[in-house]
Amino acid sequence: MKKIYLFACLSLFVYACKDLDIRPDSSIIMPETIADFEQLLEHAAVTTTPALPHIASDEYFLPDYETWQSLFSNVQRNAYVWENDVYTGELNVSDWNDCYKGIFHCNTVLDHAHVIEDEGQRRWIEGWALFARAYLFHALATTFAGTYDPATADKTTGIPIRLTSGVDVVVNPSTLADTYRQIIDDATAAIELLPNEQPYEDERNRPSKAAGYALLARVHLNMGDYQLAEEFSDKALEAYDVLIDYNTLDTNAQSAFTYNSQETIYFSRMVYGYIAYGNMTIYGVDTALLALYPENDLRLPVYFATNTIGNHIIKPINTLTGLPFTGLATDEIYLIKAECLARQGNTPDALEYLNKLVESRVRKGTFSPIDVETAEEALNLILQERRKALVWRCIRWSDLKRLNHEGHAITLKRVLNGREYVLPPNDSRYTFPFPEQGLDSVN
């Protein structure tokens, strides 16, 4: 983290290790020392996740047709209005390429970690690589694969699961069931190897057991397995349970956070290259989303500012950089726990977790405990809180897929140049297609 994120954003254009030649071909220089292995896993691609789900989601809007036309790439323009042909011939799709580059780094580590003589160091490096590979596979699956349904997962296409750095192994897309099985297997194996201690705040691109449990909680939530999602949220919070009192933050600062916040369990960020979130003069945060925050909610000044044309824009959340945070944090785990309890009909305990989170977010002396009678009311409030608490983290898209699959019937709409664009619930466009040369880039 110290090596990567202390540079200016321009340094994120550079995806090459300074000392190691990390290329998927026979001339690769193999890592030998513990420093070599750490350098591979410190690489920015290992903590990069797709931005397409954010671009296509409903957390922001572009103010006019001319702004849309001025966007950086055809991919961004097409994703904003949910075109079927989202890439229009574009071959360098960072959302795909960068994640698989990160996976290649993980596989290189796992293929050669046996050369590390110290057993403790070897276990740590292998656990880190297994966790990061599971994390990247899951980020790819929520973007380029459909919604998980246990009844159809064995017949639904997942993503290519590359488990070796060897270039002589051809990988085809797996089923969705196999995709999620591999994610769970990797994360489970990683937990056995990772340390109990949470890393220092400036090293939270390095996972701990808490990160492994938090990832499994997120994965099982997206699978609709709420029993296991709750079990892993419990384990994550047992390992690391920190909530920031937002009354202690500087609401006037450009960013109220350091490189990470105390709530960060594991750091990742969206790919570089799109300006829907990078240029703060051209977009506005969705007004319906903003209306969900009450006046005493400190997330209004902590998360948002106003741009030169009067629209609300996002401030850095859980980071200082302009690249949005997509990692794991304790507020997300609180909400997973609360949602699972509400789905069990356990309204009092669900509200206890919800209230503890919300109380830490509102102006001191203004908190009134949330109290509803039914589990359905509690669930609706918790899902609303997910929108507010997890804004701009690339989580909304997977929530939309999951909730629409369960019958919530959420329709997205945009209007450009007098034309209305609509994304109905459960539409095939919720699954981004593989890029034209996607399998070639994996193989």
Protein backbone atom coordinates (compact mmCIF):
# COMPACT_ATOMS: atom_id res chain seq x y z
CA MET A 1 0.00 0.00 0.00
CA LYS A 2 2.80 2.40 0.90
CA LYS A 3 4.55 1.71 -2.41
CA ILE A 4 1.48 2.02 -4.59
CA TYR A 5 -0.93 4.60 -3.23
CA LEU A 6 1.40 7.38 -2.20
CA PHE A 7 1.92 8.26 -5.86
CA ALA A 8 -0.28 10.71 -7.74
CA CYS A 9 -3.15 9.31 -9.78
CA LEU A 10 -1.07 9.59 -12.94
CA SER A 11 1.15 6.82 -11.67
CA LEU A 12 -1.80 4.47 -11.94
CA PHE A 13 -1.35 4.52 -15.70
CA VAL A 14 1.80 2.49 -15.19
CA TYR A 15 1.14 -1.22 -14.81
CA ALA A 16 4.64 -2.64 -14.70
CA CYS A 17 6.71 -3.78 -11.74
CA LYS A 18 10.00 -1.91 -11.60
CA ASP A 19 12.16 -4.88 -10.74
CA LEU A 20 10.24 -7.92 -11.97
CA ASP A 21 9.13 -8.56 -15.51
CA ILE A 22 5.61 -9.89 -14.91
CA ARG A 23 4.42 -11.02 -18.33
CA PRO A 24 2.37 -14.09 -19.23
CA ASP A 25 5.01 -15.68 -21.44
CA SER A 26 7.94 -18.07 -21.19
CA SER A 27 10.48 -15.29 -20.56
CA ILE A 28 9.04 -14.32 -17.18
CA ILE A 29 11.59 -13.84 -14.39
CA MET A 30 10.51 -16.04 -11.51
CA PRO A 31 10.23 -14.59 -7.99
CA GLU A 32 12.73 -15.92 -5.47
CA THR A 33 12.80 -13.76 -2.35
CA ILE A 34 9.98 -12.85 0.00
CA ALA A 35 10.35 -9.28 -1.27
CA ASP A 36 9.76 -10.51 -4.84
CA PHE A 37 6.53 -12.23 -3.82
CA GLU A 38 5.31 -9.23 -1.85
CA GLN A 39 6.05 -6.97 -4.80
CA LEU A 40 3.89 -9.13 -7.04
CA LEU A 41 0.98 -8.91 -4.62
CA GLU A 42 1.50 -5.18 -3.95
CA HIS A 43 0.91 -4.51 -7.65
CA ALA A 44 -2.03 -2.18 -8.32
CA ALA A 45 -3.77 -4.73 -10.55
CA VAL A 46 -4.22 -7.06 -7.56
CA THR A 47 -6.46 -4.51 -5.84
CA THR A 48 -8.31 -3.35 -8.96
CA THR A 49 -12.00 -4.12 -9.54
CA PRO A 50 -14.31 -3.37 -12.49
CA ALA A 51 -15.99 0.02 -12.81
CA LEU A 52 -18.60 -0.97 -15.43
CA PRO A 53 -21.17 -1.92 -12.76
CA HIS A 54 -20.84 1.54 -11.26
CA ILE A 55 -21.10 3.30 -14.63
CA ALA A 56 -24.31 1.41 -15.45
CA SER A 57 -25.84 1.83 -12.00
CA ASP A 58 -28.30 4.41 -10.68
CA GLU A 59 -26.13 6.36 -8.24
CA TYR A 60 -25.39 9.27 -10.57
CA PHE A 61 -26.54 11.07 -13.71
CA LEU A 62 -24.95 13.06 -16.52
CA PRO A 63 -26.49 16.53 -16.79
CA ASP A 64 -26.99 16.65 -20.57
CA TYR A 65 -26.44 14.97 -23.93
CA GLU A 66 -23.33 17.03 -24.67
CA THR A 67 -21.69 15.78 -21.49
CA TRP A 68 -22.49 12.20 -22.43
CA GLN A 69 -20.96 12.76 -25.89
CA SER A 70 -17.77 14.11 -24.28
CA LEU A 71 -17.16 10.98 -22.22
CA PHE A 72 -13.76 9.33 -22.42
CA SER A 73 -14.70 6.20 -24.38
CA ASN A 74 -17.42 4.41 -26.31
CA VAL A 75 -17.48 1.79 -23.56
CA GLN A 76 -18.40 4.39 -20.98
CA ARG A 77 -21.07 5.99 -23.17
CA ASN A 78 -22.59 2.63 -24.04
CA ALA A 79 -22.58 1.33 -20.46
CA TYR A 80 -24.32 4.48 -19.26
CA VAL A 81 -27.33 3.78 -21.51
CA TRP A 82 -27.13 -0.02 -21.32
CA GLU A 83 -26.37 -0.70 -24.99
CA ASN A 84 -26.23 -4.36 -25.99
CA ASP A 85 -22.97 -3.79 -27.87
CA VAL A 86 -21.20 -2.13 -24.97
CA TYR A 87 -17.65 -2.40 -26.37
CA THR A 88 -18.22 -1.50 -30.05
CA GLY A 89 -14.91 -3.07 -31.04
CA GLU A 90 -12.89 -1.76 -28.09
CA LEU A 91 -10.25 -4.37 -27.24
CA ASN A 92 -8.56 -2.83 -24.20
CA VAL A 93 -11.33 -3.27 -21.62
CA SER A 94 -9.63 -2.48 -18.31
CA ASP A 95 -12.42 -4.00 -16.24
CA TRP A 96 -11.50 -7.40 -17.66
CA ASN A 97 -7.80 -7.07 -18.48
CA ASP A 98 -6.67 -5.50 -15.21
CA CYS A 99 -8.46 -8.06 -13.06
CA TYR A 100 -7.01 -10.98 -14.98
CA LYS A 101 -3.59 -9.35 -14.77
CA GLY A 102 -4.04 -9.29 -11.00
CA ILE A 103 -5.06 -12.96 -11.08
CA PHE A 104 -1.92 -13.74 -13.11
CA HIS A 105 0.14 -12.17 -10.33
CA CYS A 106 -1.64 -14.32 -7.75
CA ASN A 107 -1.10 -17.47 -9.80
CA THR A 108 2.57 -16.67 -10.28
CA VAL A 109 2.94 -16.40 -6.51
CA LEU A 110 1.05 -19.66 -5.88
CA ASP A 111 3.02 -21.54 -8.55
CA HIS A 112 6.37 -20.58 -7.05
CA ALA A 113 5.78 -19.99 -3.34
CA HIS A 114 7.33 -23.40 -2.60
CA VAL A 115 10.76 -21.79 -2.98
CA ILE A 116 10.18 -19.78 0.21
CA GLU A 117 12.03 -21.70 2.89
CA ASP A 118 10.48 -20.08 5.96
CA GLU A 119 7.15 -21.84 6.57
CA GLY A 120 5.49 -18.85 8.26
CA GLN A 121 6.37 -16.54 5.38
CA ARG A 122 5.25 -19.13 2.84
CA ARG A 123 1.86 -19.58 4.53
CA TRP A 124 1.37 -15.81 4.67
CA ILE A 125 2.23 -15.31 1.00
CA GLU A 126 0.03 -18.21 -0.13
CA GLY A 127 -2.88 -16.99 1.99
CA TRP A 128 -2.56 -13.48 0.56
CA ALA A 129 -2.49 -14.78 -3.02
CA LEU A 130 -5.46 -17.13 -2.49
CA PHE A 131 -7.52 -14.37 -0.92
CA ALA A 132 -6.69 -11.87 -3.67
CA ARG A 133 -7.50 -14.40 -6.39
CA ALA A 134 -10.87 -15.17 -4.78
CA TYR A 135 -11.56 -11.46 -4.43
CA LEU A 136 -10.81 -10.76 -8.09
CA PHE A 137 -12.77 -13.78 -9.32
CA HIS A 138 -15.78 -12.54 -7.36
CA ALA A 139 -15.45 -8.99 -8.72
CA LEU A 140 -15.34 -10.43 -12.26
CA ALA A 141 -18.29 -12.75 -11.59
CA THR A 142 -20.54 -9.94 -10.36
CA THR A 143 -19.72 -8.03 -13.55
CA PHE A 144 -19.43 -10.63 -16.33
CA ALA A 145 -21.69 -13.44 -15.04
CA GLY A 146 -25.35 -13.64 -14.20
CA THR A 147 -27.14 -13.64 -10.87
CA TYR A 148 -26.48 -16.76 -8.84
CA ASP A 149 -29.43 -19.15 -8.64
CA PRO A 150 -28.71 -22.58 -7.12
CA ALA A 151 -31.37 -24.11 -9.34
CA THR A 152 -29.61 -23.08 -12.56
CA ALA A 153 -26.00 -22.35 -11.57
CA ASP A 154 -24.74 -25.66 -13.01
CA LYS A 155 -26.17 -24.69 -16.41
CA THR A 156 -25.29 -20.99 -16.39
CA THR A 157 -22.04 -19.60 -17.80
CA GLY A 158 -19.61 -18.23 -15.26
CA ILE A 159 -16.20 -16.74 -15.95
CA PRO A 160 -12.86 -18.26 -16.99
CA ILE A 161 -11.16 -19.64 -13.88
CA ARG A 162 -7.40 -19.55 -14.46
CA LEU A 163 -5.54 -21.32 -11.66
CA THR A 164 -2.02 -21.35 -13.07
CA SER A 165 0.42 -18.86 -14.53
CA GLY A 166 1.46 -21.43 -17.15
CA VAL A 167 0.72 -20.21 -20.66
CA ASP A 168 0.31 -23.73 -22.04
CA VAL A 169 -2.99 -24.27 -20.19
CA VAL A 170 -6.09 -23.21 -22.12
CA VAL A 171 -8.97 -21.98 -19.93
CA ASN A 172 -12.61 -21.85 -21.02
CA PRO A 173 -15.49 -20.28 -19.11
CA SER A 174 -16.65 -22.36 -16.18
CA THR A 175 -20.22 -22.75 -15.02
CA LEU A 176 -21.51 -20.23 -12.52
CA ALA A 177 -21.62 -22.99 -9.91
CA ASP A 178 -17.95 -23.80 -10.49
CA THR A 179 -17.06 -20.11 -10.47
CA TYR A 180 -18.55 -19.57 -7.03
CA ARG A 181 -17.20 -22.90 -5.78
CA GLN A 182 -13.69 -21.78 -6.67
CA ILE A 183 -14.19 -18.39 -5.03
CA ILE A 184 -15.36 -20.03 -1.81
CA ASP A 185 -12.61 -22.65 -1.89
CA ASP A 186 -9.90 -20.02 -2.38
CA ALA A 187 -11.24 -17.75 0.35
CA THR A 188 -11.68 -20.65 2.77
CA ALA A 189 -8.14 -21.89 2.17
CA ALA A 190 -6.82 -18.35 2.56
CA ILE A 191 -8.41 -17.92 5.99
CA GLU A 192 -6.43 -20.88 7.33
CA LEU A 193 -3.19 -19.18 6.27
CA LEU A 194 -3.85 -15.51 6.97
CA PRO A 195 -2.93 -13.74 10.22
CA ASN A 196 -5.44 -12.88 12.92
CA GLU A 197 -4.10 -9.36 13.28
CA GLN A 198 -5.57 -6.58 11.17
CA PRO A 199 -2.82 -4.75 9.20
CA TYR A 200 -1.97 -1.13 9.86
CA GLU A 201 -4.28 1.31 8.10
CA ASP A 202 -1.77 2.06 5.33
CA GLU A 203 -1.30 -1.66 4.58
CA ARG A 204 -4.87 -2.81 4.19
CA ASN A 205 -4.27 -4.09 0.69
CA ARG A 206 -2.86 -6.97 2.76
CA PRO A 207 -5.62 -9.28 3.95
CA SER A 208 -6.25 -10.79 7.37
CA LYS A 209 -8.64 -13.47 8.59
CA ALA A 210 -11.25 -10.71 9.00
CA ALA A 211 -10.93 -9.95 5.28
CA GLY A 212 -11.44 -13.61 4.39
CA TYR A 213 -14.59 -13.84 6.52
CA ALA A 214 -15.88 -10.49 5.20
CA LEU A 215 -15.37 -11.64 1.61
CA LEU A 216 -17.29 -14.86 2.27
CA ALA A 217 -20.10 -12.85 3.87
CA ARG A 218 -20.31 -10.67 0.73
CA VAL A 219 -20.12 -13.69 -1.59
CA HIS A 220 -22.86 -15.63 0.20
CA LEU A 221 -25.08 -12.54 0.34
CA ASN A 222 -24.78 -12.22 -3.44
CA MET A 223 -25.60 -15.92 -3.75
CA GLY A 224 -28.75 -15.40 -1.67
CA ASP A 225 -27.45 -17.79 0.99
CA TYR A 226 -28.41 -15.64 3.96
CA GLN A 227 -27.66 -18.24 6.61
CA LEU A 228 -24.00 -18.54 5.61
CA ALA A 229 -23.77 -14.79 4.94
CA GLU A 230 -24.77 -14.19 8.55
CA GLU A 231 -22.36 -16.80 9.89
CA PHE A 232 -19.43 -15.23 8.08
CA SER A 233 -20.48 -11.70 9.04
CA ASP A 234 -20.37 -12.85 12.68
CA LYS A 235 -16.86 -14.22 12.22
CA ALA A 236 -15.72 -11.06 10.44
CA LEU A 237 -17.01 -8.85 13.25
CA GLU A 238 -15.50 -11.11 15.89
CA ALA A 239 -12.15 -10.59 14.19
CA TYR A 240 -12.54 -6.85 13.54
CA ASP A 241 -15.39 -4.63 14.71
CA VAL A 242 -14.64 -0.91 14.40
CA LEU A 243 -17.14 1.81 13.55
CA ILE A 244 -16.06 5.44 13.20
CA ASP A 245 -18.05 8.10 14.99
CA TYR A 246 -18.57 10.50 12.10
CA ASN A 247 -18.78 13.35 14.60
CA THR A 248 -14.99 13.03 14.86
CA LEU A 249 -14.43 13.62 11.12
CA ASP A 250 -13.73 16.94 9.42
CA THR A 251 -16.86 17.42 7.33
CA ASN A 252 -15.31 20.38 5.48
CA ALA A 253 -12.25 18.47 4.29
CA GLN A 254 -11.85 17.45 0.66
CA SER A 255 -11.60 13.95 2.08
CA ALA A 256 -12.46 13.14 5.69
CA PHE A 257 -10.39 9.94 5.46
CA THR A 258 -6.75 8.93 5.23
CA TYR A 259 -5.54 6.41 2.65
CA ASN A 260 -7.92 4.06 4.37
CA SER A 261 -10.37 4.58 7.16
CA GLN A 262 -10.36 2.66 10.42
CA GLU A 263 -13.37 0.75 9.10
CA THR A 264 -11.46 -0.63 6.11
CA ILE A 265 -10.98 -4.38 6.36
CA TYR A 266 -9.46 -4.79 2.89
CA PHE A 267 -8.64 -2.12 0.33
CA SER A 268 -9.51 -2.24 -3.36
CA ARG A 269 -10.48 0.44 -5.86
CA MET A 270 -12.12 0.79 -9.27
CA VAL A 271 -10.08 0.61 -12.46
CA TYR A 272 -8.62 3.80 -13.82
CA GLY A 273 -9.77 5.18 -17.14
CA TYR A 274 -13.34 6.41 -16.86
CA ILE A 275 -14.40 9.95 -16.04
CA ALA A 276 -17.92 9.42 -14.75
CA TYR A 277 -16.27 9.42 -11.35
CA GLY A 278 -12.92 10.98 -12.17
CA ASN A 279 -14.02 14.39 -13.43
CA MET A 280 -16.05 16.02 -10.72
CA THR A 281 -17.44 18.75 -12.95
CA ILE A 282 -19.56 16.58 -15.22
CA TYR A 283 -21.89 14.41 -13.19
CA GLY A 284 -24.40 14.67 -10.37
CA VAL A 285 -25.23 12.23 -7.61
CA ASP A 286 -28.72 10.82 -8.10
CA THR A 287 -31.22 13.17 -6.47
CA ALA A 288 -33.48 10.35 -5.27
CA LEU A 289 -30.48 8.83 -3.50
CA LEU A 290 -29.56 12.13 -1.88
CA ALA A 291 -33.11 12.53 -0.62
CA LEU A 292 -32.69 9.39 1.50
CA TYR A 293 -30.23 11.14 3.84
CA PRO A 294 -31.91 13.09 6.66
CA GLU A 295 -30.62 16.55 7.50
CA ASN A 296 -28.72 15.32 10.58
CA ASP A 297 -26.87 12.61 8.62
CA LEU A 298 -23.17 13.49 8.61
CA ARG A 299 -22.64 11.45 5.47
CA LEU A 300 -24.13 14.35 3.54
CA PRO A 301 -21.09 16.62 4.17
CA VAL A 302 -18.59 13.73 4.55
CA TYR A 303 -19.51 11.98 1.29
CA PHE A 304 -20.72 14.81 -0.94
CA ALA A 305 -19.77 18.27 -2.16
CA THR A 306 -21.27 20.63 -4.76
CA ASN A 307 -19.69 21.18 -8.17
CA THR A 308 -19.55 24.32 -10.28
CA ILE A 309 -22.91 23.64 -11.95
CA GLY A 310 -24.74 23.01 -8.69
CA ASN A 311 -24.89 19.21 -8.67
CA HIS A 312 -23.76 17.09 -5.76
CA ILE A 313 -20.57 15.16 -6.42
CA ILE A 314 -18.77 12.46 -4.45
CA LYS A 315 -15.82 12.99 -2.14
CA PRO A 316 -13.27 10.22 -1.60
CA ILE A 317 -14.72 7.62 0.79
CA ASN A 318 -12.37 5.40 2.83
CA THR A 319 -9.47 6.72 0.76
CA LEU A 320 -7.73 9.95 -0.28
CA THR A 321 -7.53 9.14 -3.98
CA GLY A 322 -10.01 10.00 -6.71
CA LEU A 323 -10.40 6.32 -7.59
CA PRO A 324 -13.44 5.06 -5.65
CA PHE A 325 -13.01 2.56 -2.84
CA THR A 326 -14.58 -0.85 -3.55
CA GLY A 327 -13.12 -2.80 -0.66
CA LEU A 328 -14.48 -4.51 2.42
CA ALA A 329 -15.40 -2.43 5.47
CA THR A 330 -17.19 -2.93 8.76
CA ASP A 331 -20.25 -0.86 7.83
CA GLU A 332 -20.97 -3.33 5.01
CA ILE A 333 -20.62 -6.27 7.39
CA TYR A 334 -23.00 -4.65 9.89
CA LEU A 335 -25.56 -4.33 7.12
CA ILE A 336 -25.10 -7.92 5.95
CA LYS A 337 -25.67 -9.10 9.53
CA ALA A 338 -28.74 -6.87 9.93
CA GLU A 339 -30.25 -7.94 6.60
CA CYS A 340 -29.82 -11.62 7.36
CA LEU A 341 -31.44 -11.21 10.78
CA ALA A 342 -34.39 -9.37 9.27
CA ARG A 343 -34.84 -12.10 6.68
CA GLN A 344 -35.01 -14.61 9.55
CA GLY A 345 -37.79 -12.57 11.16
CA ASN A 346 -35.51 -11.46 14.02
CA THR A 347 -36.57 -7.81 13.98
CA PRO A 348 -35.16 -6.69 17.39
CA ASP A 349 -31.63 -7.93 16.69
CA ALA A 350 -31.70 -6.67 13.09
CA LEU A 351 -32.62 -3.19 14.37
CA GLU A 352 -29.89 -3.36 17.01
CA TYR A 353 -27.21 -3.69 14.30
CA LEU A 354 -28.90 -1.08 12.12
CA ASN A 355 -29.21 1.42 14.97
CA LYS A 356 -25.60 0.98 16.06
CA LEU A 357 -24.44 1.82 12.54
CA VAL A 358 -26.81 4.75 12.01
CA GLU A 359 -26.04 6.28 15.42
CA SER A 360 -22.37 6.49 14.42
CA ARG A 361 -23.33 8.43 11.29
CA VAL A 362 -25.63 11.20 12.58
CA ARG A 363 -24.94 14.45 14.38
CA LYS A 364 -24.41 13.94 18.09
CA GLY A 365 -27.54 14.50 20.16
CA THR A 366 -29.93 14.01 17.23
CA PHE A 367 -30.18 10.23 17.06
CA SER A 368 -33.58 8.62 17.54
CA PRO A 369 -33.53 4.79 17.53
CA ILE A 370 -35.27 3.21 14.56
CA ASP A 371 -38.19 1.10 15.73
CA VAL A 372 -40.56 -0.81 13.46
CA GLU A 373 -42.86 -3.71 14.19
CA THR A 374 -42.38 -6.14 11.31
CA ALA A 375 -39.39 -7.88 9.79
CA GLU A 376 -40.48 -6.67 6.36
CA GLU A 377 -40.32 -3.04 7.49
CA ALA A 378 -36.93 -3.68 9.04
CA LEU A 379 -35.64 -5.31 5.86
CA ASN A 380 -36.79 -2.39 3.71
CA LEU A 381 -35.02 0.08 6.01
CA ILE A 382 -31.83 -2.01 5.97
CA LEU A 383 -31.84 -2.22 2.18
CA GLN A 384 -32.34 1.54 2.04
CA GLU A 385 -29.43 1.97 4.43
CA ARG A 386 -27.25 -0.14 2.11
CA ARG A 387 -27.85 2.45 -0.62
CA LYS A 388 -26.86 5.27 1.72
CA ALA A 389 -23.94 3.64 3.52
CA LEU A 390 -22.31 1.82 0.60
CA VAL A 391 -22.68 4.52 -2.03
CA TRP A 392 -20.05 4.69 -4.78
CA ARG A 393 -18.43 1.37 -3.86
CA CYS A 394 -19.65 -0.59 -6.90
CA ILE A 395 -22.00 -2.61 -4.69
CA ARG A 396 -25.31 -1.23 -5.93
CA TRP A 397 -25.19 -3.20 -9.23
CA SER A 398 -24.89 -6.59 -7.55
CA ASP A 399 -27.63 -5.54 -5.12
CA LEU A 400 -29.91 -4.68 -8.03
CA LYS A 401 -29.25 -8.07 -9.62
CA ARG A 402 -29.86 -9.93 -6.38
CA LEU A 403 -32.97 -8.00 -5.32
CA ASN A 404 -34.59 -8.05 -8.74
CA HIS A 405 -34.02 -11.80 -8.88
CA GLU A 406 -36.02 -11.96 -5.65
CA GLY A 407 -38.88 -9.94 -7.13
CA HIS A 408 -38.18 -6.35 -6.08
CA ALA A 409 -38.88 -5.12 -9.64
CA ILE A 410 -36.49 -2.14 -9.71
CA THR A 411 -36.42 -0.47 -13.14
CA LEU A 412 -33.62 1.93 -14.10
CA LYS A 413 -34.24 4.86 -16.45
CA ARG A 414 -32.14 7.56 -18.04
CA VAL A 415 -33.08 10.38 -20.45
CA LEU A 416 -30.66 11.79 -23.01
CA ASN A 417 -31.50 14.23 -25.78
CA GLY A 418 -35.21 13.56 -25.31
CA ARG A 419 -34.82 9.79 -25.54
CA GLU A 420 -35.63 7.53 -22.60
CA TYR A 421 -33.42 4.51 -21.92
CA VAL A 422 -34.80 1.74 -19.73
CA LEU A 423 -33.21 -1.23 -17.99
CA PRO A 424 -35.97 -3.58 -16.77
CA PRO A 425 -35.49 -5.97 -13.85
CA ASN A 426 -33.56 -9.17 -14.66
CA ASP A 427 -32.61 -7.90 -18.10
CA SER A 428 -29.76 -9.74 -19.83
CA ARG A 429 -27.81 -6.46 -19.90
CA TYR A 430 -27.19 -6.81 -16.17
CA THR A 431 -24.51 -9.26 -17.27
CA PHE A 432 -21.73 -7.56 -19.20
CA PRO A 433 -20.51 -9.70 -22.11
CA PHE A 434 -16.93 -10.93 -22.28
CA PRO A 435 -14.81 -8.49 -24.31
CA GLU A 436 -14.19 -9.56 -27.91
CA GLN A 437 -10.72 -10.88 -27.11
CA GLY A 438 -11.54 -11.77 -23.53
CA LEU A 439 -10.62 -15.45 -23.66
CA ASP A 440 -7.49 -14.67 -25.65
CA SER A 441 -6.34 -12.27 -22.94
CA VAL A 442 -6.93 -14.89 -20.24
CA ASN A 443 -5.15 -17.58 -22.26
